[in-house]
Amino acid sequence: MRSDLIHDWNMEGMPTHAKPRPVELNDETLRDGLQAAYVHMPTLDERIALLEHLDRLGVHTANIGLPGAGGIIREDTLSLARALVERKLTVKPNCAGRTVIADVQAIVDVAQTAGCEIETCLFIGSSPIRMDVQGWTVEALLENITKSVSFAVREKMPVMFVTEDTTRASPRDLERLHLAAVEVGAKRVCVSDTVGHATPDGVTALVHFIRAFLDEHGYADVKIDYHGHMDRGLGVWNAIVAHRAGADRLHGSALGIGERVGNVPLDQLLINLKLLGLWHGDITALHGYCALVSKAVGFSIPPNYPVFGSGAFETGTGVHADAVIKALRRGDTDLADQVYSGVPASWVGCNQVIRVGPQSGRSNVIWWLEQHGFEVTTARVDAIFATAKASTAILLDDEIVSCISSLEG
């Protein structure tokens, strides 16, 4: 980033009392992401390709399914686990399961058959509203937790205990549920904003509460995950403040796909972690990751989607384009990437694109002609400029070529 030309107020607001902690990432695309009503199931090859993209990005773990569902879900989960082993990928698998023995056994069977360690993520509803609707009592939940987590630990499975709807649960219930899980061997706990209820202040308070509770009871080695949803549109920032508050691993899915309006978009989260200096890996593979998932699940990326929408690095506005063009004419792509962009296009393997439309200046037209191999003449510039000013939208490349042909035909 051009620190010589940009004063970054974001860094002014960063906490200064402690060094930034490492952040881990967990991809939920192949489990929670596929619960979305608006997507279809990708092929097995496409899912394996997704895991390979995650491997290139350095994402630590990926949820590969809920084998306790049985049938094709169990078979595909096993196939994905085998693919991770055969391809020697560094991304590690985990699987979701209810806090029941049968779900744990299904994960154990997949791990043993595939020959790999699989983190066992056992979830249970924790909020009063869930308990009321389901007819649960805290005592019944505690019994399920103790039995299922103990069984997984005896089977040598690493366990993450997940409370669903944590952001609407009472402190006392959370204390009892988490203590039951860690006392019998859970090494991670996951707090979940299952319905996208939380604000950044709420997430901060919750993670501080869980971290302090675990530390006070002698479980400082137990790590905390954060799993959020986008119902209020706050998911990305909630995940970042969760990390600041003490969460070790953050969850998300490609393009934010998931139930209702989806999960934290892992791609957007990674971009923001990179900009904040919390992620140091190469993220150029993010573009392919998003494109793959878009095609595989039948989800079109909106043109104004951050970073990966078709319009993310395009401008047809005269004054904006002029600044980008001047930077490019200097041969300074880094400067061009940042003069009118909050995210450098080169970070994700993209380029700045100058378009021609009703708000363009002549410099847009001249640049377009140069970049597309046309000689710049006054007649061409005038004709294209006049056509653009009479248009109600950005001109397509074919329209500009047609304009040139009409002038000279």
Protein backbone atom coordinates (compact mmCIF):
# COMPACT_ATOMS: atom_id res chain seq x y z
CA MET A 1 0.00 0.00 0.00
CA ARG A 2 1.15 3.56 -0.75
CA SER A 3 1.78 4.76 2.81
CA ASP A 4 3.73 7.69 1.38
CA LEU A 5 0.58 9.05 -0.26
CA ILE A 6 -2.23 7.67 1.93
CA HIS A 7 -2.86 8.48 5.57
CA ASP A 8 -4.65 5.38 6.83
CA TRP A 9 -7.16 6.38 9.50
CA ASN A 10 -8.09 2.70 9.82
CA MET A 11 -4.74 2.06 11.45
CA GLU A 12 -5.32 5.02 13.79
CA GLY A 13 -8.34 3.17 15.10
CA MET A 14 -6.62 -0.19 15.58
CA PRO A 15 -6.05 -1.34 19.19
CA THR A 16 -2.52 -0.51 20.32
CA HIS A 17 -2.42 -2.39 23.61
CA ALA A 18 -1.33 -5.71 22.11
CA LYS A 19 0.42 -7.14 19.08
CA PRO A 20 -1.91 -8.53 16.39
CA ARG A 21 -2.59 -12.22 16.97
CA PRO A 22 -2.49 -14.82 14.21
CA VAL A 23 -5.87 -15.50 12.65
CA GLU A 24 -7.09 -18.88 11.45
CA LEU A 25 -9.81 -19.36 8.84
CA ASN A 26 -12.42 -22.08 8.38
CA ASP A 27 -14.31 -22.44 5.10
CA GLU A 28 -17.98 -23.44 5.40
CA THR A 29 -18.88 -23.37 1.68
CA LEU A 30 -19.33 -27.13 1.31
CA ARG A 31 -21.57 -27.54 4.35
CA ASP A 32 -23.32 -24.42 5.62
CA GLY A 33 -22.96 -22.69 2.26
CA LEU A 34 -24.84 -25.45 0.44
CA GLN A 35 -27.82 -25.07 2.78
CA ALA A 36 -28.82 -21.98 0.79
CA ALA A 37 -32.16 -22.38 -0.96
CA TYR A 38 -30.86 -20.54 -4.05
CA VAL A 39 -27.89 -22.78 -4.93
CA HIS A 40 -27.53 -26.24 -6.40
CA MET A 41 -25.11 -28.96 -5.39
CA PRO A 42 -21.72 -28.74 -7.13
CA THR A 43 -20.19 -31.87 -8.58
CA LEU A 44 -17.66 -33.81 -6.56
CA ASP A 45 -14.88 -32.63 -8.88
CA GLU A 46 -15.93 -29.01 -8.36
CA ARG A 47 -15.87 -29.48 -4.58
CA ILE A 48 -12.39 -30.97 -4.76
CA ALA A 49 -11.29 -28.03 -6.92
CA LEU A 50 -12.62 -25.69 -4.22
CA LEU A 51 -10.46 -27.45 -1.61
CA GLU A 52 -7.44 -27.01 -3.89
CA HIS A 53 -8.16 -23.26 -4.10
CA LEU A 54 -8.37 -23.10 -0.31
CA ASP A 55 -5.04 -24.88 -0.12
CA ARG A 56 -3.42 -22.25 -2.37
CA LEU A 57 -4.92 -19.47 -0.27
CA GLY A 58 -3.57 -20.94 2.95
CA VAL A 59 -6.99 -21.39 4.56
CA HIS A 60 -6.49 -23.64 7.56
CA THR A 61 -9.61 -25.81 7.67
CA ALA A 62 -12.72 -26.63 5.65
CA ASN A 63 -15.99 -28.21 6.68
CA ILE A 64 -16.59 -31.07 4.25
CA GLY A 65 -20.03 -32.17 5.35
CA LEU A 66 -22.39 -33.64 7.92
CA PRO A 67 -21.97 -37.41 7.41
CA GLY A 68 -24.57 -38.15 10.06
CA ALA A 69 -27.14 -37.17 7.42
CA GLY A 70 -26.31 -40.46 5.69
CA GLY A 71 -26.85 -41.35 2.04
CA ILE A 72 -25.08 -39.31 -0.63
CA ILE A 73 -23.94 -36.70 1.93
CA ARG A 74 -21.97 -39.33 3.84
CA GLU A 75 -20.52 -40.81 0.63
CA ASP A 76 -19.44 -37.39 -0.66
CA THR A 77 -17.91 -36.46 2.70
CA LEU A 78 -15.80 -39.61 2.54
CA SER A 79 -14.77 -38.85 -1.06
CA LEU A 80 -13.67 -35.33 -0.08
CA ALA A 81 -11.68 -36.65 2.89
CA ARG A 82 -9.95 -39.15 0.62
CA ALA A 83 -9.19 -36.41 -1.92
CA LEU A 84 -7.50 -34.31 0.76
CA VAL A 85 -5.28 -37.26 1.66
CA GLU A 86 -4.49 -38.30 -1.92
CA ARG A 87 -3.63 -34.77 -3.06
CA LYS A 88 -1.64 -34.07 0.12
CA LEU A 89 -3.47 -30.78 0.66
CA THR A 90 -2.59 -28.74 3.73
CA VAL A 91 -6.14 -27.58 4.38
CA LYS A 92 -7.51 -29.77 7.18
CA PRO A 93 -11.03 -31.25 7.21
CA ASN A 94 -13.73 -30.91 9.79
CA CYS A 95 -17.28 -32.23 9.88
CA ALA A 96 -20.45 -31.05 11.54
CA GLY A 97 -22.58 -33.24 13.74
CA ARG A 98 -25.32 -33.02 16.31
CA THR A 99 -24.45 -33.82 19.90
CA VAL A 100 -25.59 -37.42 19.47
CA ILE A 101 -23.49 -40.58 19.36
CA ALA A 102 -24.72 -41.61 15.91
CA ASP A 103 -23.42 -38.38 14.33
CA VAL A 104 -20.07 -38.74 16.06
CA GLN A 105 -19.80 -42.36 14.90
CA ALA A 106 -20.45 -41.29 11.31
CA ILE A 107 -17.53 -38.83 11.47
CA VAL A 108 -15.30 -41.46 13.11
CA ASP A 109 -16.12 -43.90 10.30
CA VAL A 110 -15.22 -41.34 7.61
CA ALA A 111 -11.94 -40.46 9.34
CA GLN A 112 -10.90 -44.08 9.79
CA THR A 113 -11.85 -45.08 6.25
CA ALA A 114 -10.10 -42.10 4.66
CA GLY A 115 -7.08 -42.38 6.92
CA CYS A 116 -7.04 -38.80 8.15
CA GLU A 117 -7.81 -36.80 11.26
CA ILE A 118 -11.13 -34.96 11.11
CA GLU A 119 -12.09 -32.27 13.57
CA THR A 120 -15.51 -33.12 15.01
CA CYS A 121 -17.73 -30.04 15.28
CA LEU A 122 -20.66 -30.91 17.54
CA PHE A 123 -23.47 -28.37 17.69
CA ILE A 124 -26.47 -27.76 19.90
CA GLY A 125 -28.97 -24.91 20.24
CA SER A 126 -28.26 -22.65 23.20
CA SER A 127 -30.80 -19.81 23.22
CA PRO A 128 -34.02 -19.73 25.25
CA ILE A 129 -36.10 -19.31 22.09
CA ARG A 130 -34.60 -22.48 20.55
CA MET A 131 -35.11 -24.41 23.78
CA ASP A 132 -38.70 -23.25 24.04
CA VAL A 133 -39.61 -24.20 20.46
CA GLN A 134 -37.83 -27.56 20.60
CA GLY A 135 -39.02 -28.46 24.10
CA TRP A 136 -35.46 -28.82 25.39
CA THR A 137 -34.17 -28.35 28.93
CA VAL A 138 -30.64 -27.30 29.85
CA GLU A 139 -30.27 -30.56 31.79
CA ALA A 140 -31.07 -32.61 28.67
CA LEU A 141 -28.60 -30.58 26.61
CA LEU A 142 -25.88 -31.11 29.23
CA GLU A 143 -26.43 -34.87 29.11
CA ASN A 144 -26.17 -34.91 25.29
CA ILE A 145 -23.01 -32.80 25.38
CA THR A 146 -21.28 -34.97 27.96
CA LYS A 147 -22.10 -38.23 26.17
CA SER A 148 -21.25 -37.13 22.63
CA VAL A 149 -18.07 -35.17 23.39
CA SER A 150 -16.79 -37.93 25.70
CA PHE A 151 -17.40 -40.53 22.99
CA ALA A 152 -15.55 -38.45 20.37
CA VAL A 153 -12.59 -37.92 22.70
CA ARG A 154 -12.42 -41.64 23.46
CA GLU A 155 -12.29 -42.25 19.70
CA LYS A 156 -9.28 -39.86 19.54
CA MET A 157 -11.22 -37.23 17.59
CA PRO A 158 -10.38 -33.52 18.11
CA VAL A 159 -13.60 -31.83 19.21
CA MET A 160 -14.99 -28.34 18.69
CA PHE A 161 -18.15 -27.70 20.68
CA VAL A 162 -20.55 -25.36 18.85
CA THR A 163 -23.38 -23.45 20.48
CA GLU A 164 -25.96 -22.40 17.91
CA ASP A 165 -27.61 -18.99 18.43
CA THR A 166 -24.97 -18.06 21.01
CA THR A 167 -25.60 -14.36 20.43
CA ARG A 168 -29.12 -14.72 21.88
CA ALA A 169 -28.29 -17.12 24.73
CA SER A 170 -28.14 -16.28 28.43
CA PRO A 171 -24.75 -16.02 30.18
CA ARG A 172 -25.65 -18.65 32.76
CA ASP A 173 -26.72 -21.21 30.14
CA LEU A 174 -23.56 -20.56 28.11
CA GLU A 175 -21.40 -21.10 31.17
CA ARG A 176 -23.03 -24.46 31.94
CA LEU A 177 -22.99 -25.72 28.34
CA HIS A 178 -19.37 -24.73 27.63
CA LEU A 179 -18.09 -26.07 30.93
CA ALA A 180 -19.74 -29.43 30.25
CA ALA A 181 -17.98 -29.67 26.88
CA VAL A 182 -14.48 -28.62 27.92
CA GLU A 183 -14.52 -30.70 31.09
CA VAL A 184 -14.77 -33.87 28.99
CA GLY A 185 -12.19 -32.85 26.39
CA ALA A 186 -13.42 -30.31 23.82
CA LYS A 187 -10.38 -28.29 22.69
CA ARG A 188 -12.29 -25.60 20.82
CA VAL A 189 -15.60 -23.85 21.30
CA CYS A 190 -17.48 -21.96 18.60
CA VAL A 191 -19.76 -19.04 19.31
CA SER A 192 -22.36 -18.57 16.59
CA ASP A 193 -24.43 -15.66 15.37
CA THR A 194 -26.77 -18.16 13.75
CA VAL A 195 -29.49 -15.69 12.72
CA GLY A 196 -27.28 -12.65 12.11
CA HIS A 197 -28.58 -10.93 15.23
CA ALA A 198 -25.38 -9.47 16.63
CA THR A 199 -23.78 -6.05 16.26
CA PRO A 200 -20.00 -5.56 16.59
CA ASP A 201 -20.47 -4.43 20.21
CA GLY A 202 -22.48 -7.56 20.96
CA VAL A 203 -19.88 -9.84 19.40
CA THR A 204 -17.10 -8.12 21.35
CA ALA A 205 -18.97 -8.54 24.62
CA LEU A 206 -19.77 -12.21 23.90
CA VAL A 207 -16.24 -13.25 22.92
CA HIS A 208 -14.75 -11.38 25.90
CA PHE A 209 -17.24 -13.20 28.15
CA ILE A 210 -16.43 -16.67 26.79
CA ARG A 211 -12.66 -16.06 26.85
CA ALA A 212 -12.76 -14.78 30.44
CA PHE A 213 -14.96 -17.68 31.56
CA LEU A 214 -12.67 -20.31 30.03
CA ASP A 215 -9.56 -18.66 31.47
CA GLU A 216 -11.07 -18.39 34.95
CA HIS A 217 -11.91 -22.10 34.96
CA GLY A 218 -8.44 -23.22 33.89
CA TYR A 219 -9.10 -23.67 30.17
CA ALA A 220 -6.87 -20.98 28.71
CA ASP A 221 -5.67 -23.52 26.11
CA VAL A 222 -9.17 -23.95 24.66
CA LYS A 223 -9.49 -21.96 21.44
CA ILE A 224 -12.50 -19.93 20.34
CA ASP A 225 -14.09 -19.89 16.88
CA TYR A 226 -16.57 -17.35 15.54
CA HIS A 227 -19.31 -18.28 13.05
CA GLY A 228 -21.50 -15.46 11.75
CA HIS A 229 -24.37 -14.80 9.36
CA MET A 230 -25.33 -11.79 7.27
CA ASP A 231 -28.96 -11.07 8.16
CA ARG A 232 -28.12 -7.51 9.26
CA GLY A 233 -25.27 -7.13 6.79
CA LEU A 234 -22.69 -6.94 9.60
CA GLY A 235 -20.99 -10.30 9.16
CA VAL A 236 -17.55 -9.26 7.91
CA TRP A 237 -16.99 -6.61 10.55
CA ASN A 238 -18.44 -8.86 13.27
CA ALA A 239 -15.86 -11.51 12.36
CA ILE A 240 -13.01 -8.99 12.52
CA VAL A 241 -14.05 -7.66 15.93
CA ALA A 242 -14.50 -11.25 17.14
CA HIS A 243 -10.84 -11.82 16.38
CA ARG A 244 -9.88 -8.59 18.14
CA ALA A 245 -11.88 -9.71 21.16
CA GLY A 246 -10.09 -13.07 21.39
CA ALA A 247 -11.48 -15.46 18.75
CA ASP A 248 -8.76 -17.60 17.19
CA ARG A 249 -10.54 -18.86 14.07
CA LEU A 250 -13.14 -17.18 11.88
CA HIS A 251 -15.68 -18.95 9.66
CA GLY A 252 -17.04 -17.93 6.27
CA SER A 253 -18.17 -19.21 2.90
CA ALA A 254 -17.36 -18.29 -0.68
CA LEU A 255 -19.41 -15.27 -1.79
CA GLY A 256 -21.25 -15.51 1.53
CA ILE A 257 -23.58 -18.27 0.31
CA GLY A 258 -25.60 -19.96 3.01
CA GLU A 259 -29.01 -20.24 4.61
CA ARG A 260 -31.29 -17.18 4.26
CA VAL A 261 -28.96 -14.32 3.21
CA GLY A 262 -25.86 -16.36 3.95
CA ASN A 263 -22.66 -16.56 5.95
CA VAL A 264 -19.75 -14.20 6.34
CA PRO A 265 -18.23 -13.96 2.81
CA LEU A 266 -14.83 -15.55 3.29
CA ASP A 267 -13.45 -13.71 0.24
CA GLN A 268 -14.42 -10.30 1.65
CA LEU A 269 -13.12 -11.29 5.07
CA LEU A 270 -9.75 -12.30 3.60
CA ILE A 271 -9.47 -9.01 1.69
CA ASN A 272 -10.13 -7.03 4.85
CA LEU A 273 -7.71 -9.09 6.94
CA LYS A 274 -5.07 -8.46 4.27
CA LEU A 275 -5.74 -4.71 4.27
CA LEU A 276 -5.53 -4.65 8.07
CA GLY A 277 -2.18 -6.45 8.05
CA LEU A 278 -3.63 -9.57 9.69
CA TRP A 279 -3.19 -11.87 6.68
CA HIS A 280 0.17 -12.13 4.96
CA GLY A 281 -0.44 -14.82 2.36
CA ASP A 282 -0.93 -14.47 -1.39
CA ILE A 283 -4.62 -13.94 -2.18
CA THR A 284 -4.51 -13.93 -5.99
CA ALA A 285 -6.27 -17.31 -5.96
CA LEU A 286 -9.36 -15.61 -4.48
CA HIS A 287 -10.54 -14.60 -7.95
CA GLY A 288 -10.57 -18.21 -9.16
CA TYR A 289 -12.13 -19.36 -5.88
CA CYS A 290 -15.09 -17.01 -6.31
CA ALA A 291 -15.50 -17.74 -10.02
CA LEU A 292 -15.45 -21.50 -9.38
CA VAL A 293 -18.09 -21.35 -6.66
CA SER A 294 -20.29 -18.98 -8.68
CA LYS A 295 -20.36 -21.43 -11.59
CA ALA A 296 -20.50 -24.59 -9.48
CA VAL A 297 -23.54 -23.59 -7.41
CA GLY A 298 -25.33 -21.44 -10.01
CA PHE A 299 -24.97 -18.17 -8.10
CA SER A 300 -24.30 -15.10 -10.23
CA ILE A 301 -21.95 -12.54 -8.74
CA PRO A 302 -23.66 -9.11 -8.75
CA PRO A 303 -21.69 -6.50 -10.73
CA ASN A 304 -21.34 -4.32 -7.63
CA TYR A 305 -20.14 -7.17 -5.40
CA PRO A 306 -17.00 -6.05 -3.52
CA VAL A 307 -13.74 -6.86 -5.33
CA PHE A 308 -15.10 -9.69 -7.50
CA GLY A 309 -18.10 -8.04 -9.16
CA SER A 310 -17.60 -7.12 -12.82
CA GLY A 311 -17.71 -3.43 -11.93
CA ALA A 312 -15.26 -3.56 -9.02
CA PHE A 313 -12.32 -2.08 -10.93
CA GLU A 314 -14.13 -0.34 -13.77
CA THR A 315 -14.75 3.37 -14.17
CA GLY A 316 -16.38 5.39 -16.90
CA THR A 317 -16.40 8.70 -15.02
CA GLY A 318 -14.17 11.33 -16.56
CA VAL A 319 -12.36 12.73 -13.51
CA HIS A 320 -11.86 9.30 -11.93
CA ALA A 321 -10.66 7.71 -15.15
CA ASP A 322 -8.35 10.62 -15.81
CA ALA A 323 -6.56 10.05 -12.50
CA VAL A 324 -6.18 6.32 -13.16
CA ILE A 325 -4.95 6.94 -16.71
CA LYS A 326 -2.37 9.49 -15.56
CA ALA A 327 -1.00 6.99 -13.04
CA LEU A 328 -0.87 4.28 -15.71
CA ARG A 329 0.90 6.59 -18.14
CA ARG A 330 3.58 7.03 -15.49
CA GLY A 331 4.00 3.26 -15.53
CA ASP A 332 2.95 3.13 -11.88
CA THR A 333 0.34 0.38 -11.65
CA ASP A 334 0.50 0.47 -7.85
CA LEU A 335 -0.53 4.12 -7.89
CA ALA A 336 -3.23 3.44 -10.48
CA ASP A 337 -4.53 0.62 -8.32
CA GLN A 338 -5.08 2.90 -5.34
CA VAL A 339 -5.90 6.39 -6.56
CA TYR A 340 -9.59 5.44 -6.98
CA SER A 341 -9.73 1.98 -5.40
CA GLY A 342 -9.80 0.93 -1.77
CA VAL A 343 -8.51 -2.53 -2.72
CA PRO A 344 -5.55 -2.96 -5.11
CA ALA A 345 -6.78 -4.86 -8.17
CA SER A 346 -3.40 -6.56 -8.56
CA TRP A 347 -3.84 -8.30 -5.21
CA VAL A 348 -6.51 -10.49 -6.78
CA GLY A 349 -5.04 -10.74 -10.27
CA CYS A 350 -7.22 -8.01 -11.80
CA ASN A 351 -6.57 -4.71 -13.61
CA GLN A 352 -8.08 -1.25 -13.70
CA VAL A 353 -10.52 -0.97 -16.60
CA ILE A 354 -11.43 2.33 -18.26
CA ARG A 355 -14.85 2.42 -19.89
CA VAL A 356 -16.59 5.03 -22.07
CA GLY A 357 -20.02 6.39 -21.23
CA PRO A 358 -22.16 9.52 -20.78
CA GLN A 359 -20.05 10.78 -17.86
CA SER A 360 -16.70 10.13 -19.56
CA GLY A 361 -14.11 12.64 -20.70
CA ARG A 362 -12.12 12.53 -23.90
CA SER A 363 -9.24 10.91 -22.04
CA ASN A 364 -11.42 7.82 -21.56
CA VAL A 365 -11.93 7.59 -25.33
CA ILE A 366 -8.26 8.09 -26.14
CA TRP A 367 -7.23 5.44 -23.61
CA TRP A 368 -9.80 2.96 -24.94
CA LEU A 369 -8.56 3.41 -28.50
CA GLU A 370 -4.94 2.92 -27.45
CA GLN A 371 -5.67 -0.17 -25.38
CA HIS A 372 -7.70 -1.79 -28.15
CA GLY A 373 -5.14 -1.19 -30.89
CA PHE A 374 -6.87 1.64 -32.77
CA GLU A 375 -5.06 4.70 -34.06
CA VAL A 376 -6.14 7.78 -32.14
CA THR A 377 -7.58 10.37 -34.53
CA THR A 378 -9.59 13.49 -33.83
CA ALA A 379 -12.48 12.17 -35.93
CA ARG A 380 -12.63 8.89 -34.00
CA VAL A 381 -12.41 10.59 -30.62
CA ASP A 382 -15.13 13.10 -31.55
CA ALA A 383 -17.47 10.42 -32.93
CA ILE A 384 -17.12 8.08 -29.95
CA PHE A 385 -17.35 10.96 -27.49
CA ALA A 386 -20.57 12.22 -29.10
CA THR A 387 -22.06 8.71 -29.09
CA ALA A 388 -21.18 8.28 -25.41
CA LYS A 389 -22.75 11.61 -24.45
CA ALA A 390 -25.97 10.61 -26.20
CA SER A 391 -26.07 7.22 -24.48
CA THR A 392 -27.88 6.33 -21.26
CA ALA A 393 -25.31 3.71 -20.26
CA ILE A 394 -21.68 2.69 -20.59
CA LEU A 395 -20.87 1.75 -24.18
CA LEU A 396 -20.05 -1.87 -24.85
CA ASP A 397 -16.82 -2.54 -26.74
CA ASP A 398 -18.83 -3.74 -29.75
CA GLU A 399 -20.75 -0.47 -29.78
CA ILE A 400 -17.52 1.54 -29.91
CA VAL A 401 -16.17 -0.62 -32.72
CA SER A 402 -19.46 -0.16 -34.56
CA CYS A 403 -19.17 3.60 -34.09
CA ILE A 404 -15.68 3.54 -35.64
CA SER A 405 -16.92 1.37 -38.53
CA SER A 406 -19.85 3.70 -39.19
CA LEU A 407 -17.52 6.70 -39.26
CA GLU A 408 -15.12 5.10 -41.70
CA GLY A 409 -17.36 2.70 -43.57
